C-alpha cells in the first residue's frame, strides 16, 4: 500500500514552485501518491504561463511539471477561491489541473501521511 502526501502551494516565488514540484517528483518516485493544491500566488505554478518560468541555470518549470505528470498517483488541483481572488479563469490552467476547493484538500490531508506547504 502506498502512502499519500498532500502539498499546498501558496507562494508564487519561483524557488518555492520548483521545490514543490521536485519534492512531489521525489515522493512519487518512491511509490507515494501526491495531491498538490495550488492557491493564491501559488496558482502561477499550474497556469499555462508556468511552462515558461525559469530559475537561472535550471530547466524551465514546465519540464518538472511534465515529469511529475508522467508519474502515477499524482493529482494537481487549483483552488477555486484563489482563482476568483487572483482573477485566473479555468482556461488559463494546464490541462491536467482540476478546479477544487479547500474542503477536498482538508479531506485528503486528513488521510495523508504528511502535508507540506510551499
N, C-alpha and C. Protein backbone atom coordinates (compact mmCIF):
# COMPACT_ATOMS: atom_id res chain seq x y z
N UNK A 1 0.84 -1.19 0.00
CA UNK A 1 0.00 0.00 0.00
C UNK A 1 0.88 1.25 0.00
N UNK A 2 0.63 2.14 -0.92
CA UNK A 2 1.45 3.36 -0.97
C UNK A 2 0.94 4.38 0.03
N UNK A 3 1.85 5.22 0.47
CA UNK A 3 1.49 6.30 1.37
C UNK A 3 1.18 7.53 0.53
N UNK A 4 0.29 8.35 1.00
CA UNK A 4 -0.10 9.55 0.28
C UNK A 4 0.35 10.79 1.03
N UNK A 5 0.70 11.81 0.27
CA UNK A 5 1.11 13.10 0.83
C UNK A 5 0.32 14.20 0.15
N UNK A 6 0.07 15.26 0.88
CA UNK A 6 -0.56 16.44 0.30
C UNK A 6 0.43 17.59 0.35
N UNK A 7 0.37 18.40 -0.68
CA UNK A 7 1.24 19.57 -0.77
C UNK A 7 0.36 20.77 -1.11
N UNK A 8 0.43 21.81 -0.27
CA UNK A 8 -0.27 23.06 -0.56
C UNK A 8 0.77 24.07 -1.04
N UNK A 9 0.51 24.65 -2.20
CA UNK A 9 1.42 25.65 -2.76
C UNK A 9 0.71 27.00 -2.71
N UNK A 10 1.18 27.85 -1.81
CA UNK A 10 0.59 29.17 -1.60
C UNK A 10 1.46 30.26 -2.21
N UNK A 11 2.77 30.04 -2.18
CA UNK A 11 3.71 31.04 -2.65
C UNK A 11 3.91 30.95 -4.16
N UNK A 12 4.05 32.09 -4.78
CA UNK A 12 4.36 32.14 -6.19
C UNK A 12 5.85 32.39 -6.44
N UNK A 13 6.65 32.38 -5.35
CA UNK A 13 8.09 32.57 -5.51
C UNK A 13 8.65 31.40 -6.30
N UNK A 14 9.44 31.71 -7.28
CA UNK A 14 9.91 30.70 -8.22
C UNK A 14 10.65 29.54 -7.55
N UNK A 15 11.51 29.84 -6.59
CA UNK A 15 12.25 28.75 -5.94
C UNK A 15 11.32 27.83 -5.15
N UNK A 16 10.24 28.35 -4.62
CA UNK A 16 9.27 27.52 -3.89
C UNK A 16 8.45 26.67 -4.87
N UNK A 17 8.09 27.24 -6.02
CA UNK A 17 7.37 26.46 -7.03
C UNK A 17 8.22 25.28 -7.49
N UNK A 18 9.50 25.56 -7.76
CA UNK A 18 10.41 24.48 -8.16
C UNK A 18 10.48 23.40 -7.07
N UNK A 19 10.69 23.81 -5.85
CA UNK A 19 10.84 22.83 -4.76
C UNK A 19 9.56 22.03 -4.54
N UNK A 20 8.40 22.62 -4.75
CA UNK A 20 7.16 21.86 -4.58
C UNK A 20 7.09 20.74 -5.62
N UNK A 21 7.44 21.04 -6.86
CA UNK A 21 7.41 20.02 -7.91
C UNK A 21 8.52 18.98 -7.71
N UNK A 22 9.71 19.42 -7.36
CA UNK A 22 10.81 18.48 -7.16
C UNK A 22 10.51 17.55 -5.98
N UNK A 23 9.93 18.08 -4.92
CA UNK A 23 9.53 17.26 -3.78
C UNK A 23 8.47 16.25 -4.19
N UNK A 24 7.48 16.69 -4.96
CA UNK A 24 6.43 15.78 -5.43
C UNK A 24 7.01 14.67 -6.31
N UNK A 25 7.95 15.02 -7.17
CA UNK A 25 8.60 14.01 -8.02
C UNK A 25 9.33 12.99 -7.14
N UNK A 26 10.04 13.47 -6.14
CA UNK A 26 10.75 12.57 -5.23
C UNK A 26 9.81 11.63 -4.49
N UNK A 27 8.70 12.15 -4.04
CA UNK A 27 7.72 11.32 -3.32
C UNK A 27 7.11 10.26 -4.24
N UNK A 28 6.73 10.66 -5.43
CA UNK A 28 6.12 9.69 -6.34
C UNK A 28 7.15 8.66 -6.83
N UNK A 29 8.40 9.06 -6.94
CA UNK A 29 9.45 8.12 -7.36
C UNK A 29 9.65 7.01 -6.33
N UNK A 30 9.28 7.28 -5.09
CA UNK A 30 9.41 6.25 -4.04
C UNK A 30 8.11 5.47 -3.85
N UNK A 31 7.14 5.71 -4.74
CA UNK A 31 5.89 4.96 -4.69
C UNK A 31 4.76 5.61 -3.93
N UNK A 32 4.95 6.83 -3.48
CA UNK A 32 3.90 7.53 -2.74
C UNK A 32 2.97 8.28 -3.69
N UNK A 33 1.74 8.46 -3.27
CA UNK A 33 0.79 9.28 -4.01
C UNK A 33 0.93 10.72 -3.57
N UNK A 34 0.65 11.64 -4.48
CA UNK A 34 0.77 13.07 -4.16
C UNK A 34 -0.45 13.83 -4.68
N UNK A 35 -1.01 14.66 -3.80
CA UNK A 35 -2.09 15.58 -4.16
C UNK A 35 -1.54 16.98 -3.94
N UNK A 36 -1.42 17.76 -5.01
CA UNK A 36 -0.92 19.13 -4.90
C UNK A 36 -2.09 20.11 -5.07
N UNK A 37 -2.19 21.03 -4.13
CA UNK A 37 -3.27 22.01 -4.11
C UNK A 37 -2.65 23.39 -4.22
N UNK A 38 -2.93 24.10 -5.31
CA UNK A 38 -2.34 25.40 -5.58
C UNK A 38 -3.37 26.49 -5.29
N UNK A 39 -2.97 27.51 -4.54
CA UNK A 39 -3.87 28.60 -4.23
C UNK A 39 -3.13 29.94 -4.22
N UNK A 40 -3.86 31.01 -4.30
CA UNK A 40 -3.36 32.38 -4.31
C UNK A 40 -2.18 32.53 -5.27
N UNK A 41 -1.05 33.09 -4.83
CA UNK A 41 0.10 33.31 -5.72
C UNK A 41 0.66 31.99 -6.26
N UNK A 42 0.46 30.91 -5.52
CA UNK A 42 0.94 29.61 -5.95
C UNK A 42 0.27 29.11 -7.22
N UNK A 43 -0.88 29.68 -7.56
CA UNK A 43 -1.59 29.27 -8.78
C UNK A 43 -0.75 29.48 -10.04
N UNK A 44 0.26 30.36 -9.96
CA UNK A 44 1.10 30.53 -11.15
C UNK A 44 1.81 29.24 -11.53
N UNK A 45 1.91 28.31 -10.60
CA UNK A 45 2.54 27.02 -10.87
C UNK A 45 1.71 26.06 -11.68
N UNK A 46 0.44 26.38 -11.91
CA UNK A 46 -0.42 25.49 -12.70
C UNK A 46 -1.12 26.21 -13.86
N UNK A 47 -0.64 27.41 -14.19
CA UNK A 47 -1.19 28.09 -15.36
C UNK A 47 -0.32 27.76 -16.57
N UNK A 48 -0.85 28.03 -17.74
CA UNK A 48 -0.10 27.77 -18.97
C UNK A 48 1.19 28.59 -19.01
N UNK A 49 1.21 29.72 -18.31
CA UNK A 49 2.42 30.55 -18.24
C UNK A 49 3.54 29.86 -17.47
N UNK A 50 3.21 28.89 -16.63
CA UNK A 50 4.22 28.22 -15.80
C UNK A 50 5.26 27.49 -16.64
N UNK A 51 4.88 27.10 -17.85
CA UNK A 51 5.79 26.36 -18.72
C UNK A 51 7.00 27.20 -19.11
N UNK A 52 6.90 28.51 -18.95
CA UNK A 52 7.99 29.39 -19.36
C UNK A 52 8.75 30.00 -18.19
N UNK A 53 8.37 29.67 -16.96
CA UNK A 53 9.09 30.18 -15.79
C UNK A 53 10.40 29.42 -15.65
N UNK A 54 11.49 30.16 -15.39
CA UNK A 54 12.81 29.52 -15.32
C UNK A 54 13.65 30.13 -14.20
N UNK A 55 14.21 29.27 -13.34
CA UNK A 55 15.22 29.69 -12.38
C UNK A 55 16.55 29.78 -13.13
N UNK A 56 17.38 30.75 -12.83
CA UNK A 56 18.66 30.87 -13.53
C UNK A 56 19.46 29.57 -13.48
N UNK A 57 19.92 29.14 -14.64
CA UNK A 57 20.75 27.95 -14.73
C UNK A 57 20.00 26.63 -14.62
N UNK A 58 18.67 26.66 -14.63
CA UNK A 58 17.87 25.45 -14.49
C UNK A 58 16.98 25.24 -15.72
N UNK A 59 16.41 24.05 -15.78
CA UNK A 59 15.43 23.77 -16.83
C UNK A 59 14.15 24.53 -16.49
N UNK A 60 13.32 24.84 -17.48
CA UNK A 60 12.06 25.55 -17.20
C UNK A 60 11.17 24.74 -16.23
N UNK A 61 10.36 25.44 -15.48
CA UNK A 61 9.45 24.78 -14.54
C UNK A 61 8.58 23.78 -15.27
N UNK A 62 8.19 24.09 -16.50
CA UNK A 62 7.36 23.18 -17.29
C UNK A 62 7.98 21.80 -17.45
N UNK A 63 9.29 21.71 -17.47
CA UNK A 63 9.98 20.42 -17.55
C UNK A 63 9.62 19.56 -16.35
N UNK A 64 9.66 20.14 -15.15
CA UNK A 64 9.36 19.41 -13.93
C UNK A 64 7.87 19.07 -13.82
N UNK A 65 7.04 19.98 -14.29
CA UNK A 65 5.60 19.72 -14.31
C UNK A 65 5.33 18.50 -15.20
N UNK A 66 5.93 18.48 -16.37
CA UNK A 66 5.74 17.35 -17.29
C UNK A 66 6.25 16.04 -16.69
N UNK A 67 7.42 16.09 -16.07
CA UNK A 67 7.98 14.88 -15.45
C UNK A 67 7.05 14.35 -14.37
N UNK A 68 6.49 15.24 -13.55
CA UNK A 68 5.58 14.81 -12.49
C UNK A 68 4.32 14.18 -13.08
N UNK A 69 3.78 14.80 -14.11
CA UNK A 69 2.54 14.30 -14.70
C UNK A 69 2.72 12.97 -15.42
N UNK A 70 3.95 12.61 -15.75
CA UNK A 70 4.22 11.30 -16.35
C UNK A 70 4.15 10.18 -15.30
N UNK A 71 4.20 10.54 -14.04
CA UNK A 71 4.22 9.56 -12.96
C UNK A 71 2.80 9.18 -12.56
N UNK A 72 2.68 8.06 -11.85
CA UNK A 72 1.37 7.59 -11.40
C UNK A 72 1.00 8.17 -10.05
N UNK A 73 -0.29 8.17 -9.77
CA UNK A 73 -0.84 8.58 -8.47
C UNK A 73 -0.50 10.03 -8.11
N UNK A 74 -0.68 10.91 -9.09
CA UNK A 74 -0.44 12.34 -8.91
C UNK A 74 -1.71 13.09 -9.28
N UNK A 75 -2.07 14.05 -8.45
CA UNK A 75 -3.26 14.86 -8.73
C UNK A 75 -2.91 16.33 -8.47
N UNK A 76 -3.21 17.19 -9.44
CA UNK A 76 -2.99 18.63 -9.29
C UNK A 76 -4.33 19.33 -9.26
N UNK A 77 -4.50 20.21 -8.28
CA UNK A 77 -5.77 20.93 -8.12
C UNK A 77 -5.52 22.42 -7.92
N UNK A 78 -6.37 23.22 -8.53
CA UNK A 78 -6.34 24.67 -8.37
C UNK A 78 -7.51 25.07 -7.48
N UNK A 79 -7.24 25.90 -6.51
CA UNK A 79 -8.25 26.37 -5.56
C UNK A 79 -9.23 27.33 -6.25
N UNK A 80 -10.49 26.99 -6.21
CA UNK A 80 -11.50 27.83 -6.86
C UNK A 80 -11.57 29.22 -6.23
N UNK A 81 -11.46 29.31 -4.91
CA UNK A 81 -11.48 30.60 -4.23
C UNK A 81 -10.27 31.44 -4.65
N UNK A 82 -9.10 30.82 -4.64
CA UNK A 82 -7.88 31.51 -5.05
C UNK A 82 -7.95 31.99 -6.49
N UNK A 83 -8.54 31.17 -7.36
CA UNK A 83 -8.70 31.57 -8.76
C UNK A 83 -9.56 32.82 -8.87
N UNK A 84 -10.63 32.86 -8.08
CA UNK A 84 -11.50 34.04 -8.09
C UNK A 84 -10.76 35.27 -7.59
N UNK A 85 -10.04 35.13 -6.50
CA UNK A 85 -9.31 36.26 -5.91
C UNK A 85 -8.24 36.78 -6.87
N UNK A 86 -7.53 35.86 -7.52
CA UNK A 86 -6.41 36.22 -8.39
C UNK A 86 -6.86 36.52 -9.83
N UNK A 87 -8.15 36.32 -10.12
CA UNK A 87 -8.66 36.60 -11.46
C UNK A 87 -8.14 35.64 -12.53
N UNK A 88 -8.00 34.37 -12.15
CA UNK A 88 -7.48 33.36 -13.09
C UNK A 88 -8.64 32.50 -13.58
N UNK A 89 -8.97 32.59 -14.86
CA UNK A 89 -10.04 31.74 -15.41
C UNK A 89 -9.54 30.31 -15.63
N UNK A 90 -10.45 29.37 -15.65
CA UNK A 90 -10.11 27.96 -15.84
C UNK A 90 -9.32 27.73 -17.13
N UNK A 91 -9.58 28.51 -18.15
CA UNK A 91 -8.92 28.35 -19.44
C UNK A 91 -7.42 28.59 -19.37
N UNK A 92 -6.95 29.29 -18.35
CA UNK A 92 -5.50 29.55 -18.21
C UNK A 92 -4.78 28.42 -17.49
N UNK A 93 -5.52 27.45 -16.95
CA UNK A 93 -4.90 26.34 -16.23
C UNK A 93 -4.35 25.30 -17.20
N UNK A 94 -3.33 24.58 -16.77
CA UNK A 94 -2.83 23.45 -17.54
C UNK A 94 -3.93 22.41 -17.65
N UNK A 95 -3.93 21.65 -18.72
CA UNK A 95 -5.00 20.69 -18.99
C UNK A 95 -5.17 19.64 -17.89
N UNK A 96 -4.10 19.24 -17.23
CA UNK A 96 -4.16 18.18 -16.23
C UNK A 96 -4.65 18.66 -14.86
N UNK A 97 -4.94 19.94 -14.73
CA UNK A 97 -5.31 20.52 -13.43
C UNK A 97 -6.82 20.60 -13.29
N UNK A 98 -7.31 20.11 -12.17
CA UNK A 98 -8.74 20.24 -11.89
C UNK A 98 -8.97 21.41 -10.94
N UNK A 99 -10.17 21.94 -10.95
CA UNK A 99 -10.55 23.01 -10.03
C UNK A 99 -11.21 22.35 -8.83
N UNK A 100 -10.78 22.75 -7.65
CA UNK A 100 -11.28 22.14 -6.42
C UNK A 100 -11.37 23.18 -5.32
N UNK A 101 -11.78 22.72 -4.16
CA UNK A 101 -11.90 23.63 -3.02
C UNK A 101 -11.08 23.15 -1.84
N UNK A 102 -11.00 24.01 -0.85
CA UNK A 102 -10.19 23.70 0.33
C UNK A 102 -10.75 22.50 1.10
N UNK A 103 -12.03 22.22 0.94
CA UNK A 103 -12.62 21.06 1.63
C UNK A 103 -11.98 19.77 1.15
N UNK A 104 -11.79 19.65 -0.17
CA UNK A 104 -11.13 18.45 -0.69
C UNK A 104 -9.70 18.36 -0.17
N UNK A 105 -8.99 19.50 -0.15
CA UNK A 105 -7.62 19.49 0.38
C UNK A 105 -7.63 19.03 1.84
N UNK A 106 -8.57 19.52 2.63
CA UNK A 106 -8.66 19.13 4.04
C UNK A 106 -8.93 17.64 4.19
N UNK A 107 -9.83 17.10 3.40
CA UNK A 107 -10.13 15.67 3.46
C UNK A 107 -8.91 14.83 3.07
N UNK A 108 -8.23 15.21 1.99
CA UNK A 108 -7.06 14.46 1.55
C UNK A 108 -5.92 14.60 2.56
N UNK A 109 -5.77 15.77 3.15
CA UNK A 109 -4.73 15.97 4.17
C UNK A 109 -4.99 15.13 5.40
N UNK A 110 -6.26 15.00 5.76
CA UNK A 110 -6.64 14.21 6.92
C UNK A 110 -6.26 12.74 6.74
N UNK A 111 -6.28 12.26 5.50
CA UNK A 111 -5.97 10.86 5.19
C UNK A 111 -4.49 10.66 4.83
N UNK A 112 -3.73 11.74 4.70
CA UNK A 112 -2.35 11.66 4.23
C UNK A 112 -1.39 11.35 5.38
N UNK A 113 -0.24 10.79 5.00
CA UNK A 113 0.83 10.55 5.97
C UNK A 113 1.44 11.88 6.39
N UNK A 114 1.50 12.82 5.46
CA UNK A 114 2.08 14.12 5.77
C UNK A 114 1.59 15.20 4.83
N UNK A 115 1.67 16.44 5.28
CA UNK A 115 1.28 17.60 4.49
C UNK A 115 2.42 18.59 4.50
N UNK A 116 2.75 19.12 3.33
CA UNK A 116 3.79 20.13 3.21
C UNK A 116 3.19 21.39 2.62
N UNK A 117 3.76 22.52 3.00
CA UNK A 117 3.30 23.82 2.49
C UNK A 117 4.48 24.56 1.91
N UNK A 118 4.31 25.02 0.68
CA UNK A 118 5.35 25.80 0.00
C UNK A 118 4.80 27.17 -0.33
